[in-house]
Amino acid sequence: MPAVIVRIGEWLPRGWGDLFLQLLLYVIADTGYELARGMADGRANLAFANGERIIDVEQSLGLFFEPGMQSSILNMQWMVDAANTVYLNSQFTVALSFLIWMYLFRNDHYYFFRNMLFV
């Protein structure tokens, strides 16, 4: 085995086998998620009805502020671009970095977090 692979393996809390198992679990979870999303296609009417119910609840609680906020921000293209950039980076970069950090440096807590993420 090349020395670099052995040295990297020494940094892994539970070795290469566990790392590959974790990656396989994420691939399986993502595949299941995509299959479930595919089964939900064509049910847009139900999604919109559920969205309207959420809006009704927000309005009754005095929490429905999104239209006013969105209309004020949509006039500032730089703000829209910044929000999209932050969302994209947060969604992927921050989440992936956190998972890697947890796996490498807080390994005992990682498995609980992973299980909660899958649930």
C-alpha atoms as a PDB file:
ATOM      1  CA  MET A   1       0.000   0.000   0.000  1.00  0.00           C
ATOM      2  CA  PRO A   2       1.410   3.457  -0.851  1.00  0.00           C
ATOM      3  CA  ALA A   3       2.768   5.368   2.132  1.00  0.00           C
ATOM      4  CA  VAL A   4       0.427   8.325   1.606  1.00  0.00           C
ATOM      5  CA  ILE A   5      -2.644   6.082   1.904  1.00  0.00           C
ATOM      6  CA  VAL A   6      -1.277   4.565   5.101  1.00  0.00           C
ATOM      7  CA  ARG A   7      -0.546   8.018   6.551  1.00  0.00           C
ATOM      8  CA  ILE A   8      -4.033   9.306   5.705  1.00  0.00           C
ATOM      9  CA  GLY A   9      -5.506   6.153   7.213  1.00  0.00           C
ATOM     10  CA  GLU A  10      -3.731   6.948  10.469  1.00  0.00           C
ATOM     11  CA  TRP A  11      -5.707  10.219  10.678  1.00  0.00           C
ATOM     12  CA  LEU A  12      -9.032   8.454  10.215  1.00  0.00           C
ATOM     13  CA  PRO A  13     -10.596   7.719  13.617  1.00  0.00           C
ATOM     14  CA  ARG A  14     -11.825   4.250  12.654  1.00  0.00           C
ATOM     15  CA  GLY A  15      -9.880   3.486   9.501  1.00  0.00           C
ATOM     16  CA  TRP A  16     -10.625   3.366   5.800  1.00  0.00           C
ATOM     17  CA  GLY A  17     -13.375   0.748   6.112  1.00  0.00           C
ATOM     18  CA  ASP A  18     -15.507   2.967   8.317  1.00  0.00           C
ATOM     19  CA  LEU A  19     -14.948   5.966   6.040  1.00  0.00           C
ATOM     20  CA  PHE A  20     -16.158   3.983   3.028  1.00  0.00           C
ATOM     21  CA  LEU A  21     -19.137   2.728   5.045  1.00  0.00           C
ATOM     22  CA  GLN A  22     -20.087   6.318   5.927  1.00  0.00           C
ATOM     23  CA  LEU A  23     -19.836   7.386   2.288  1.00  0.00           C
ATOM     24  CA  LEU A  24     -21.962   4.398   1.239  1.00  0.00           C
ATOM     25  CA  LEU A  25     -24.610   5.306   3.822  1.00  0.00           C
ATOM     26  CA  TYR A  26     -24.815   8.859   2.447  1.00  0.00           C
ATOM     27  CA  VAL A  27     -25.112   7.541  -1.120  1.00  0.00           C
ATOM     28  CA  ILE A  28     -27.938   5.215  -0.030  1.00  0.00           C
ATOM     29  CA  ALA A  29     -29.693   8.025   1.874  1.00  0.00           C
ATOM     30  CA  ASP A  30     -29.384  10.402  -1.085  1.00  0.00           C
ATOM     31  CA  THR A  31     -30.689   7.753  -3.476  1.00  0.00           C
ATOM     32  CA  GLY A  32     -33.687   7.148  -1.215  1.00  0.00           C
ATOM     33  CA  TYR A  33     -34.309  10.890  -1.001  1.00  0.00           C
ATOM     34  CA  GLU A  34     -34.187  11.280  -4.782  1.00  0.00           C
ATOM     35  CA  LEU A  35     -36.551   8.320  -5.254  1.00  0.00           C
ATOM     36  CA  ALA A  36     -39.013   9.821  -2.771  1.00  0.00           C
ATOM     37  CA  ARG A  37     -38.808  13.169  -4.557  1.00  0.00           C
ATOM     38  CA  GLY A  38     -39.480  11.406  -7.850  1.00  0.00           C
ATOM     39  CA  MET A  39     -42.610   9.796  -6.419  1.00  0.00           C
ATOM     40  CA  ALA A  40     -43.818  13.235  -5.314  1.00  0.00           C
ATOM     41  CA  ASP A  41     -43.549  14.701  -8.827  1.00  0.00           C
ATOM     42  CA  GLY A  42     -46.920  15.532 -10.304  1.00  0.00           C
ATOM     43  CA  ARG A  43     -48.397  16.436  -6.933  1.00  0.00           C
ATOM     44  CA  ALA A  44     -47.836  20.180  -7.189  1.00  0.00           C
ATOM     45  CA  ASN A  45     -51.474  20.908  -6.327  1.00  0.00           C
ATOM     46  CA  LEU A  46     -51.050  19.199  -2.964  1.00  0.00           C
ATOM     47  CA  ALA A  47     -47.806  21.099  -2.327  1.00  0.00           C
ATOM     48  CA  PHE A  48     -49.469  24.438  -3.091  1.00  0.00           C
ATOM     49  CA  ALA A  49     -52.447  23.565  -0.880  1.00  0.00           C
ATOM     50  CA  ASN A  50     -50.077  22.722   1.977  1.00  0.00           C
ATOM     51  CA  GLY A  51     -48.217  25.986   1.385  1.00  0.00           C
ATOM     52  CA  GLU A  52     -51.463  27.949   1.558  1.00  0.00           C
ATOM     53  CA  ARG A  53     -52.315  26.257   4.861  1.00  0.00           C
ATOM     54  CA  ILE A  54     -48.932  27.283   6.258  1.00  0.00           C
ATOM     55  CA  ILE A  55     -49.542  30.867   5.115  1.00  0.00           C
ATOM     56  CA  ASP A  56     -52.948  30.827   6.829  1.00  0.00           C
ATOM     57  CA  VAL A  57     -51.328  29.715  10.104  1.00  0.00           C
ATOM     58  CA  GLU A  58     -48.576  32.351   9.781  1.00  0.00           C
ATOM     59  CA  GLN A  59     -51.179  35.062   9.120  1.00  0.00           C
ATOM     60  CA  SER A  60     -53.263  34.006  12.117  1.00  0.00           C
ATOM     61  CA  LEU A  61     -50.146  34.220  14.321  1.00  0.00           C
ATOM     62  CA  GLY A  62     -49.037  37.542  12.827  1.00  0.00           C
ATOM     63  CA  LEU A  63     -45.865  35.986  11.406  1.00  0.00           C
ATOM     64  CA  PHE A  64     -46.512  36.378   7.677  1.00  0.00           C
ATOM     65  CA  PHE A  65     -43.932  39.012   6.717  1.00  0.00           C
ATOM     66  CA  GLU A  66     -42.219  37.425   3.698  1.00  0.00           C
ATOM     67  CA  PRO A  67     -44.016  39.288   0.859  1.00  0.00           C
ATOM     68  CA  GLY A  68     -43.077  42.715   2.222  1.00  0.00           C
ATOM     69  CA  MET A  69     -39.496  41.699   2.894  1.00  0.00           C
ATOM     70  CA  GLN A  70     -39.117  40.046  -0.518  1.00  0.00           C
ATOM     71  CA  SER A  71     -40.560  43.019  -2.406  1.00  0.00           C
ATOM     72  CA  SER A  72     -38.102  45.379  -0.720  1.00  0.00           C
ATOM     73  CA  ILE A  73     -35.117  43.126  -1.425  1.00  0.00           C
ATOM     74  CA  LEU A  74     -35.998  42.177  -5.022  1.00  0.00           C
ATOM     75  CA  ASN A  75     -35.308  45.772  -6.084  1.00  0.00           C
ATOM     76  CA  MET A  76     -31.651  45.343  -5.063  1.00  0.00           C
ATOM     77  CA  GLN A  77     -30.051  42.841  -7.440  1.00  0.00           C
ATOM     78  CA  TRP A  78     -26.801  42.801  -5.457  1.00  0.00           C
ATOM     79  CA  MET A  79     -28.759  41.673  -2.391  1.00  0.00           C
ATOM     80  CA  VAL A  80     -30.440  38.870  -4.358  1.00  0.00           C
ATOM     81  CA  ASP A  81     -27.045  37.730  -5.677  1.00  0.00           C
ATOM     82  CA  ALA A  82     -25.505  37.867  -2.196  1.00  0.00           C
ATOM     83  CA  ALA A  83     -28.383  35.893  -0.672  1.00  0.00           C
ATOM     84  CA  ASN A  84     -28.137  33.242  -3.396  1.00  0.00           C
ATOM     85  CA  THR A  85     -24.366  32.944  -2.903  1.00  0.00           C
ATOM     86  CA  VAL A  86     -24.681  32.623   0.867  1.00  0.00           C
ATOM     87  CA  TYR A  87     -27.447  30.023   0.513  1.00  0.00           C
ATOM     88  CA  LEU A  88     -25.491  27.928  -1.988  1.00  0.00           C
ATOM     89  CA  ASN A  89     -22.313  28.010   0.091  1.00  0.00           C
ATOM     90  CA  SER A  90     -24.138  27.322   3.326  1.00  0.00           C
ATOM     91  CA  GLN A  91     -26.093  24.459   1.851  1.00  0.00           C
ATOM     92  CA  PHE A  92     -23.076  22.564   0.585  1.00  0.00           C
ATOM     93  CA  THR A  93     -19.740  23.927   1.776  1.00  0.00           C
ATOM     94  CA  VAL A  94     -20.610  24.594   5.407  1.00  0.00           C
ATOM     95  CA  ALA A  95     -22.635  21.407   5.862  1.00  0.00           C
ATOM     96  CA  LEU A  96     -19.988  19.194   4.249  1.00  0.00           C
ATOM     97  CA  SER A  97     -17.166  20.890   6.174  1.00  0.00           C
ATOM     98  CA  PHE A  98     -19.040  20.397   9.439  1.00  0.00           C
ATOM     99  CA  LEU A  99     -19.622  16.708   8.732  1.00  0.00           C
ATOM    100  CA  ILE A 100     -15.942  16.173   7.898  1.00  0.00           C
ATOM    101  CA  TRP A 101     -14.884  18.035  11.046  1.00  0.00           C
ATOM    102  CA  MET A 102     -17.271  15.986  13.194  1.00  0.00           C
ATOM    103  CA  TYR A 103     -16.045  12.734  11.650  1.00  0.00           C
ATOM    104  CA  LEU A 104     -12.359  13.540  12.135  1.00  0.00           C
ATOM    105  CA  PHE A 105     -12.336  15.403  15.448  1.00  0.00           C
ATOM    106  CA  ARG A 106     -15.566  14.525  17.289  1.00  0.00           C
ATOM    107  CA  ASN A 107     -16.012  11.006  16.007  1.00  0.00           C
ATOM    108  CA  ASP A 108     -17.985   9.674  18.973  1.00  0.00           C
ATOM    109  CA  HIS A 109     -20.582  12.435  18.489  1.00  0.00           C
ATOM    110  CA  TYR A 110     -20.555  12.129  14.691  1.00  0.00           C
ATOM    111  CA  TYR A 111     -22.584   8.901  14.616  1.00  0.00           C
ATOM    112  CA  PHE A 112     -25.411  10.368  16.694  1.00  0.00           C
ATOM    113  CA  PHE A 113     -25.473  13.462  14.478  1.00  0.00           C
ATOM    114  CA  ARG A 114     -25.440  11.320  11.320  1.00  0.00           C
ATOM    115  CA  ASN A 115     -28.356   9.242  12.574  1.00  0.00           C
ATOM    116  CA  MET A 116     -30.373  12.362  13.409  1.00  0.00           C
ATOM    117  CA  LEU A 117     -29.599  13.774   9.972  1.00  0.00           C
ATOM    118  CA  PHE A 118     -30.913  10.616   8.325  1.00  0.00           C
ATOM    119  CA  VAL A 119     -34.088  10.601  10.409  1.00  0.00           C
END
